[in-house]
Amino acid sequence: YGQLSGMVEPIFGVMGAIAVSIARPVLPYALAFAAGAMIYVVVDDIIPEANSSKNGKLATWGAIFGFLVMMILDVGLG
């Protein structure tokens, strides 16, 4: 049965390649939306949890500092 399930892989591989070629113009916007959603989920979950402990301000500043470092690296390294 393993060989039978592998027979459909080339068909869906071609279908996936066609879907990517059709969606290529939208891909940067979709990836930007996904990145923004991920940042929102992380910040929405981590910051309130960190503020409930004794080191809330330190955790918030750590998240801000980490974001700034990553932005500087992204701009600096391209």
PDB file of N, CA and C in Angstrom:
ATOM      1  N   TYR A   1       0.820  -1.208   0.000  1.00  0.00           N
ATOM      2  CA  TYR A   1       0.000   0.000   0.000  1.00  0.00           C
ATOM      3  C   TYR A   1       0.862   1.270   0.000  1.00  0.00           C
ATOM      4  N   GLY A   2       2.120   1.147   0.414  1.00  0.00           N
ATOM      5  CA  GLY A   2       3.012   2.298   0.420  1.00  0.00           C
ATOM      6  C   GLY A   2       3.281   2.810  -0.980  1.00  0.00           C
ATOM      7  N   GLN A   3       3.444   1.885  -1.924  1.00  0.00           N
ATOM      8  CA  GLN A   3       3.686   2.302  -3.305  1.00  0.00           C
ATOM      9  C   GLN A   3       2.452   2.968  -3.901  1.00  0.00           C
ATOM     10  N   LEU A   4       1.305   2.488  -3.515  1.00  0.00           N
ATOM     11  CA  LEU A   4       0.067   3.065  -4.024  1.00  0.00           C
ATOM     12  C   LEU A   4      -0.096   4.515  -3.557  1.00  0.00           C
ATOM     13  N   SER A   5       0.257   4.775  -2.304  1.00  0.00           N
ATOM     14  CA  SER A   5       0.140   6.153  -1.814  1.00  0.00           C
ATOM     15  C   SER A   5       1.189   7.059  -2.456  1.00  0.00           C
ATOM     16  N   GLY A   6       2.321   6.506  -2.865  1.00  0.00           N
ATOM     17  CA  GLY A   6       3.358   7.304  -3.508  1.00  0.00           C
ATOM     18  C   GLY A   6       3.052   7.636  -4.955  1.00  0.00           C
ATOM     19  N   MET A   7       2.091   6.959  -5.551  1.00  0.00           N
ATOM     20  CA  MET A   7       1.771   7.201  -6.958  1.00  0.00           C
ATOM     21  C   MET A   7       1.108   8.560  -7.185  1.00  0.00           C
ATOM     22  N   VAL A   8       0.462   9.100  -6.160  1.00  0.00           N
ATOM     23  CA  VAL A   8      -0.225  10.382  -6.337  1.00  0.00           C
ATOM     24  C   VAL A   8       0.708  11.571  -6.090  1.00  0.00           C
ATOM     25  N   GLU A   9       1.901  11.326  -5.571  1.00  0.00           N
ATOM     26  CA  GLU A   9       2.812  12.430  -5.258  1.00  0.00           C
ATOM     27  C   GLU A   9       3.208  13.248  -6.483  1.00  0.00           C
ATOM     28  N   PRO A  10       3.556  12.658  -7.616  1.00  0.00           N
ATOM     29  CA  PRO A  10       3.889  13.501  -8.778  1.00  0.00           C
ATOM     30  C   PRO A  10       2.712  14.353  -9.253  1.00  0.00           C
ATOM     31  N   ILE A  11       1.523  13.808  -9.162  1.00  0.00           N
ATOM     32  CA  ILE A  11       0.340  14.560  -9.604  1.00  0.00           C
ATOM     33  C   ILE A  11       0.156  15.805  -8.743  1.00  0.00           C
ATOM     34  N   PHE A  12       0.220  15.603  -7.424  1.00  0.00           N
ATOM     35  CA  PHE A  12       0.021  16.747  -6.533  1.00  0.00           C
ATOM     36  C   PHE A  12       1.244  17.660  -6.508  1.00  0.00           C
ATOM     37  N   GLY A  13       2.411  17.143  -6.842  1.00  0.00           N
ATOM     38  CA  GLY A  13       3.588  18.000  -6.984  1.00  0.00           C
ATOM     39  C   GLY A  13       3.417  18.982  -8.127  1.00  0.00           C
ATOM     40  N   VAL A  14       2.909  18.507  -9.246  1.00  0.00           N
ATOM     41  CA  VAL A  14       2.645  19.383 -10.394  1.00  0.00           C
ATOM     42  C   VAL A  14       1.540  20.381 -10.050  1.00  0.00           C
ATOM     43  N   MET A  15       0.507  19.911  -9.366  1.00  0.00           N
ATOM     44  CA  MET A  15      -0.573  20.816  -8.969  1.00  0.00           C
ATOM     45  C   MET A  15      -0.057  21.898  -8.017  1.00  0.00           C
ATOM     46  N   GLY A  16       0.836  21.533  -7.105  1.00  0.00           N
ATOM     47  CA  GLY A  16       1.425  22.510  -6.192  1.00  0.00           C
ATOM     48  C   GLY A  16       2.279  23.524  -6.917  1.00  0.00           C
ATOM     49  N   ALA A  17       3.053  23.072  -7.901  1.00  0.00           N
ATOM     50  CA  ALA A  17       3.876  23.994  -8.690  1.00  0.00           C
ATOM     51  C   ALA A  17       3.004  24.969  -9.475  1.00  0.00           C
ATOM     52  N   ILE A  18       1.909  24.490 -10.010  1.00  0.00           N
ATOM     53  CA  ILE A  18       0.983  25.373 -10.733  1.00  0.00           C
ATOM     54  C   ILE A  18       0.356  26.384  -9.775  1.00  0.00           C
ATOM     55  N   ALA A  19      -0.022  25.924  -8.583  1.00  0.00           N
ATOM     56  CA  ALA A  19      -0.620  26.834  -7.597  1.00  0.00           C
ATOM     57  C   ALA A  19       0.364  27.919  -7.176  1.00  0.00           C
ATOM     58  N   VAL A  20       1.639  27.560  -7.016  1.00  0.00           N
ATOM     59  CA  VAL A  20       2.652  28.554  -6.639  1.00  0.00           C
ATOM     60  C   VAL A  20       2.855  29.558  -7.763  1.00  0.00           C
ATOM     61  N   SER A  21       2.875  29.095  -9.003  1.00  0.00           N
ATOM     62  CA  SER A  21       3.074  30.033 -10.112  1.00  0.00           C
ATOM     63  C   SER A  21       1.892  30.991 -10.251  1.00  0.00           C
ATOM     64  N   ILE A  22       0.704  30.537  -9.923  1.00  0.00           N
ATOM     65  CA  ILE A  22      -0.470  31.410  -9.982  1.00  0.00           C
ATOM     66  C   ILE A  22      -0.454  32.410  -8.824  1.00  0.00           C
ATOM     67  N   ALA A  23      -0.048  31.954  -7.638  1.00  0.00           N
ATOM     68  CA  ALA A  23      -0.093  32.796  -6.438  1.00  0.00           C
ATOM     69  C   ALA A  23       1.168  33.627  -6.242  1.00  0.00           C
ATOM     70  N   ARG A  24       2.125  33.561  -7.138  1.00  0.00           N
ATOM     71  CA  ARG A  24       3.400  34.274  -6.969  1.00  0.00           C
ATOM     72  C   ARG A  24       3.220  35.778  -6.741  1.00  0.00           C
ATOM     73  N   PRO A  25       2.329  36.488  -7.444  1.00  0.00           N
ATOM     74  CA  PRO A  25       2.190  37.932  -7.183  1.00  0.00           C
ATOM     75  C   PRO A  25       1.671  38.250  -5.775  1.00  0.00           C
ATOM     76  N   VAL A  26       0.920  37.359  -5.190  1.00  0.00           N
ATOM     77  CA  VAL A  26       0.327  37.595  -3.873  1.00  0.00           C
ATOM     78  C   VAL A  26       1.242  37.112  -2.749  1.00  0.00           C
ATOM     79  N   LEU A  27       2.237  36.321  -3.076  1.00  0.00           N
ATOM     80  CA  LEU A  27       3.073  35.672  -2.071  1.00  0.00           C
ATOM     81  C   LEU A  27       3.743  36.644  -1.103  1.00  0.00           C
ATOM     82  N   PRO A  28       4.349  37.756  -1.527  1.00  0.00           N
ATOM     83  CA  PRO A  28       4.962  38.662  -0.543  1.00  0.00           C
ATOM     84  C   PRO A  28       3.959  39.219   0.464  1.00  0.00           C
ATOM     85  N   TYR A  29       2.754  39.538   0.005  1.00  0.00           N
ATOM     86  CA  TYR A  29       1.735  40.070   0.907  1.00  0.00           C
ATOM     87  C   TYR A  29       1.242  38.997   1.871  1.00  0.00           C
ATOM     88  N   ALA A  30       1.104  37.778   1.383  1.00  0.00           N
ATOM     89  CA  ALA A  30       0.675  36.684   2.252  1.00  0.00           C
ATOM     90  C   ALA A  30       1.729  36.380   3.312  1.00  0.00           C
ATOM     91  N   LEU A  31       3.004  36.405   2.925  1.00  0.00           N
ATOM     92  CA  LEU A  31       4.073  36.163   3.895  1.00  0.00           C
ATOM     93  C   LEU A  31       4.162  37.299   4.908  1.00  0.00           C
ATOM     94  N   ALA A  32       3.967  38.541   4.468  1.00  0.00           N
ATOM     95  CA  ALA A  32       3.976  39.672   5.397  1.00  0.00           C
ATOM     96  C   ALA A  32       2.816  39.573   6.379  1.00  0.00           C
ATOM     97  N   PHE A  33       1.657  39.177   5.896  1.00  0.00           N
ATOM     98  CA  PHE A  33       0.507  38.989   6.780  1.00  0.00           C
ATOM     99  C   PHE A  33       0.774  37.883   7.789  1.00  0.00           C
ATOM    100  N   ALA A  34       1.351  36.780   7.337  1.00  0.00           N
ATOM    101  CA  ALA A  34       1.657  35.671   8.243  1.00  0.00           C
ATOM    102  C   ALA A  34       2.681  36.085   9.293  1.00  0.00           C
ATOM    103  N   ALA A  35       3.679  36.868   8.893  1.00  0.00           N
ATOM    104  CA  ALA A  35       4.682  37.338   9.851  1.00  0.00           C
ATOM    105  C   ALA A  35       4.051  38.267  10.880  1.00  0.00           C
ATOM    106  N   GLY A  36       3.199  39.165  10.438  1.00  0.00           N
ATOM    107  CA  GLY A  36       2.518  40.061  11.371  1.00  0.00           C
ATOM    108  C   GLY A  36       1.614  39.316  12.328  1.00  0.00           C
ATOM    109  N   ALA A  37       0.920  38.309  11.822  1.00  0.00           N
ATOM    110  CA  ALA A  37       0.065  37.504  12.691  1.00  0.00           C
ATOM    111  C   ALA A  37       0.889  36.754  13.727  1.00  0.00           C
ATOM    112  N   MET A  38       2.039  36.248  13.330  1.00  0.00           N
ATOM    113  CA  MET A  38       2.902  35.529  14.268  1.00  0.00           C
ATOM    114  C   MET A  38       3.451  36.464  15.334  1.00  0.00           C
ATOM    115  N   ILE A  39       3.865  37.659  14.932  1.00  0.00           N
ATOM    116  CA  ILE A  39       4.355  38.635  15.912  1.00  0.00           C
ATOM    117  C   ILE A  39       3.240  38.997  16.889  1.00  0.00           C
ATOM    118  N   TYR A  40       2.026  39.192  16.395  1.00  0.00           N
ATOM    119  CA  TYR A  40       0.902  39.517  17.270  1.00  0.00           C
ATOM    120  C   TYR A  40       0.646  38.401  18.273  1.00  0.00           C
ATOM    121  N   VAL A  41       0.632  37.168  17.811  1.00  0.00           N
ATOM    122  CA  VAL A  41       0.363  36.042  18.705  1.00  0.00           C
ATOM    123  C   VAL A  41       1.436  35.940  19.781  1.00  0.00           C
ATOM    124  N   VAL A  42       2.691  36.099  19.389  1.00  0.00           N
ATOM    125  CA  VAL A  42       3.783  35.998  20.360  1.00  0.00           C
ATOM    126  C   VAL A  42       3.697  37.123  21.380  1.00  0.00           C
ATOM    127  N   VAL A  43       3.522  38.353  20.910  1.00  0.00           N
ATOM    128  CA  VAL A  43       3.471  39.493  21.831  1.00  0.00           C
ATOM    129  C   VAL A  43       2.230  39.419  22.711  1.00  0.00           C
ATOM    130  N   ASP A  44       1.109  39.037  22.140  1.00  0.00           N
ATOM    131  CA  ASP A  44      -0.132  38.942  22.901  1.00  0.00           C
ATOM    132  C   ASP A  44      -0.050  37.868  23.977  1.00  0.00           C
ATOM    133  N   ASP A  45       0.720  36.841  23.750  1.00  0.00           N
ATOM    134  CA  ASP A  45       0.828  35.749  24.710  1.00  0.00           C
ATOM    135  C   ASP A  45       1.959  35.976  25.710  1.00  0.00           C
ATOM    136  N   ILE A  46       3.089  36.475  25.261  1.00  0.00           N
ATOM    137  CA  ILE A  46       4.279  36.555  26.114  1.00  0.00           C
ATOM    138  C   ILE A  46       4.249  37.769  27.032  1.00  0.00           C
ATOM    139  N   ILE A  47       3.900  38.934  26.517  1.00  0.00           N
ATOM    140  CA  ILE A  47       3.984  40.159  27.316  1.00  0.00           C
ATOM    141  C   ILE A  47       3.059  40.105  28.539  1.00  0.00           C
ATOM    142  N   PRO A  48       1.778  39.756  28.410  1.00  0.00           N
ATOM    143  CA  PRO A  48       0.950  39.689  29.626  1.00  0.00           C
ATOM    144  C   PRO A  48       1.438  38.633  30.623  1.00  0.00           C
ATOM    145  N   GLU A  49       1.926  37.515  30.117  1.00  0.00           N
ATOM    146  CA  GLU A  49       2.434  36.481  31.017  1.00  0.00           C
ATOM    147  C   GLU A  49       3.683  36.967  31.748  1.00  0.00           C
ATOM    148  N   ALA A  50       4.537  37.696  31.051  1.00  0.00           N
ATOM    149  CA  ALA A  50       5.744  38.221  31.686  1.00  0.00           C
ATOM    150  C   ALA A  50       5.405  39.322  32.684  1.00  0.00           C
ATOM    151  N   ASN A  51       4.390  40.123  32.396  1.00  0.00           N
ATOM    152  CA  ASN A  51       4.009  41.193  33.310  1.00  0.00           C
ATOM    153  C   ASN A  51       3.368  40.671  34.585  1.00  0.00           C
ATOM    154  N   SER A  52       2.867  39.458  34.570  1.00  0.00           N
ATOM    155  CA  SER A  52       2.273  38.894  35.779  1.00  0.00           C
ATOM    156  C   SER A  52       3.339  38.441  36.771  1.00  0.00           C
ATOM    157  N   SER A  53       4.577  38.356  36.344  1.00  0.00           N
ATOM    158  CA  SER A  53       5.659  37.973  37.256  1.00  0.00           C
ATOM    159  C   SER A  53       6.330  39.226  37.806  1.00  0.00           C
ATOM    160  N   LYS A  54       7.388  39.020  38.577  1.00  0.00           N
ATOM    161  CA  LYS A  54       8.097  40.145  39.194  1.00  0.00           C
ATOM    162  C   LYS A  54       8.909  40.944  38.176  1.00  0.00           C
ATOM    163  N   ASN A  55       9.318  40.320  37.094  1.00  0.00           N
ATOM    164  CA  ASN A  55      10.201  40.958  36.117  1.00  0.00           C
ATOM    165  C   ASN A  55       9.447  41.416  34.874  1.00  0.00           C
ATOM    166  N   GLY A  56       8.286  41.987  35.051  1.00  0.00           N
ATOM    167  CA  GLY A  56       7.457  42.368  33.914  1.00  0.00           C
ATOM    168  C   GLY A  56       8.089  43.414  33.029  1.00  0.00           C
ATOM    169  N   LYS A  57       8.603  44.469  33.627  1.00  0.00           N
ATOM    170  CA  LYS A  57       9.206  45.537  32.821  1.00  0.00           C
ATOM    171  C   LYS A  57      10.467  45.055  32.124  1.00  0.00           C
ATOM    172  N   LEU A  58      11.248  44.229  32.796  1.00  0.00           N
ATOM    173  CA  LEU A  58      12.460  43.689  32.182  1.00  0.00           C
ATOM    174  C   LEU A  58      12.112  42.820  30.977  1.00  0.00           C
ATOM    175  N   ALA A  59      11.075  42.016  31.095  1.00  0.00           N
ATOM    176  CA  ALA A  59      10.663  41.163  29.981  1.00  0.00           C
ATOM    177  C   ALA A  59      10.147  41.995  28.810  1.00  0.00           C
ATOM    178  N   THR A  60       9.401  43.048  29.108  1.00  0.00           N
ATOM    179  CA  THR A  60       8.901  43.916  28.042  1.00  0.00           C
ATOM    180  C   THR A  60      10.049  44.605  27.322  1.00  0.00           C
ATOM    181  N   TRP A  61      11.001  45.144  28.075  1.00  0.00           N
ATOM    182  CA  TRP A  61      12.153  45.796  27.454  1.00  0.00           C
ATOM    183  C   TRP A  61      13.015  44.788  26.701  1.00  0.00           C
ATOM    184  N   GLY A  62      13.084  43.565  27.201  1.00  0.00           N
ATOM    185  CA  GLY A  62      13.824  42.528  26.485  1.00  0.00           C
ATOM    186  C   GLY A  62      13.200  42.205  25.141  1.00  0.00           C
ATOM    187  N   ALA A  63      11.865  42.157  25.099  1.00  0.00           N
ATOM    188  CA  ALA A  63      11.175  41.903  23.830  1.00  0.00           C
ATOM    189  C   ALA A  63      11.390  43.059  22.856  1.00  0.00           C
ATOM    190  N   ILE A  64      11.321  44.287  23.360  1.00  0.00           N
ATOM    191  CA  ILE A  64      11.546  45.456  22.504  1.00  0.00           C
ATOM    192  C   ILE A  64      12.983  45.468  21.995  1.00  0.00           C
ATOM    193  N   PHE A  65      13.938  45.204  22.875  1.00  0.00           N
ATOM    194  CA  PHE A  65      15.342  45.187  22.483  1.00  0.00           C
ATOM    195  C   PHE A  65      15.612  44.090  21.448  1.00  0.00           C
ATOM    196  N   GLY A  66      15.043  42.911  21.659  1.00  0.00           N
ATOM    197  CA  GLY A  66      15.215  41.827  20.697  1.00  0.00           C
ATOM    198  C   GLY A  66      14.640  42.171  19.339  1.00  0.00           C
ATOM    199  N   PHE A  67      13.485  42.819  19.330  1.00  0.00           N
ATOM    200  CA  PHE A  67      12.883  43.252  18.068  1.00  0.00           C
ATOM    201  C   PHE A  67      13.780  44.263  17.364  1.00  0.00           C
ATOM    202  N   LEU A  68      14.305  45.224  18.123  1.00  0.00           N
ATOM    203  CA  LEU A  68      15.185  46.227  17.523  1.00  0.00           C
ATOM    204  C   LEU A  68      16.459  45.605  16.957  1.00  0.00           C
ATOM    205  N   VAL A  69      17.041  44.661  17.680  1.00  0.00           N
ATOM    206  CA  VAL A  69      18.249  43.990  17.187  1.00  0.00           C
ATOM    207  C   VAL A  69      17.954  43.264  15.880  1.00  0.00           C
ATOM    208  N   MET A  70      16.837  42.573  15.819  1.00  0.00           N
ATOM    209  CA  MET A  70      16.496  41.845  14.600  1.00  0.00           C
ATOM    210  C   MET A  70      16.226  42.803  13.438  1.00  0.00           C
ATOM    211  N   MET A  71      15.601  43.947  13.701  1.00  0.00           N
ATOM    212  CA  MET A  71      15.369  44.924  12.637  1.00  0.00           C
ATOM    213  C   MET A  71      16.690  45.509  12.142  1.00  0.00           C
ATOM    214  N   ILE A  72      17.599  45.804  13.062  1.00  0.00           N
ATOM    215  CA  ILE A  72      18.908  46.337  12.665  1.00  0.00           C
ATOM    216  C   ILE A  72      19.663  45.310  11.827  1.00  0.00           C
ATOM    217  N   LEU A  73      19.631  44.052  12.248  1.00  0.00           N
ATOM    218  CA  LEU A  73      20.302  43.006  11.472  1.00  0.00           C
ATOM    219  C   LEU A  73      19.661  42.832  10.100  1.00  0.00           C
ATOM    220  N   ASP A  74      18.342  42.920  10.046  1.00  0.00           N
ATOM    221  CA  ASP A  74      17.652  42.765   8.766  1.00  0.00           C
ATOM    222  C   ASP A  74      18.018  43.891   7.805  1.00  0.00           C
ATOM    223  N   VAL A  75      18.040  45.107   8.308  1.00  0.00           N
ATOM    224  CA  VAL A  75      18.380  46.246   7.453  1.00  0.00           C
ATOM    225  C   VAL A  75      19.868  46.233   7.108  1.00  0.00           C
ATOM    226  N   GLY A  76      20.699  45.915   8.090  1.00  0.00           N
ATOM    227  CA  GLY A  76      22.140  45.943   7.866  1.00  0.00           C
ATOM    228  C   GLY A  76      22.648  44.843   6.959  1.00  0.00           C
ATOM    229  N   LEU A  77      22.083  43.659   7.092  1.00  0.00           N
ATOM    230  CA  LEU A  77      22.550  42.522   6.296  1.00  0.00           C
ATOM    231  C   LEU A  77      21.732  42.311   5.026  1.00  0.00           C
ATOM    232  N   GLY A  78      20.633  43.014   4.931  1.00  0.00           N
ATOM    233  CA  GLY A  78      19.824  42.943   3.720  1.00  0.00           C
ATOM    234  C   GLY A  78      19.024  41.719   3.682  1.00  0.00           C
TER     235      GLY A  78
END
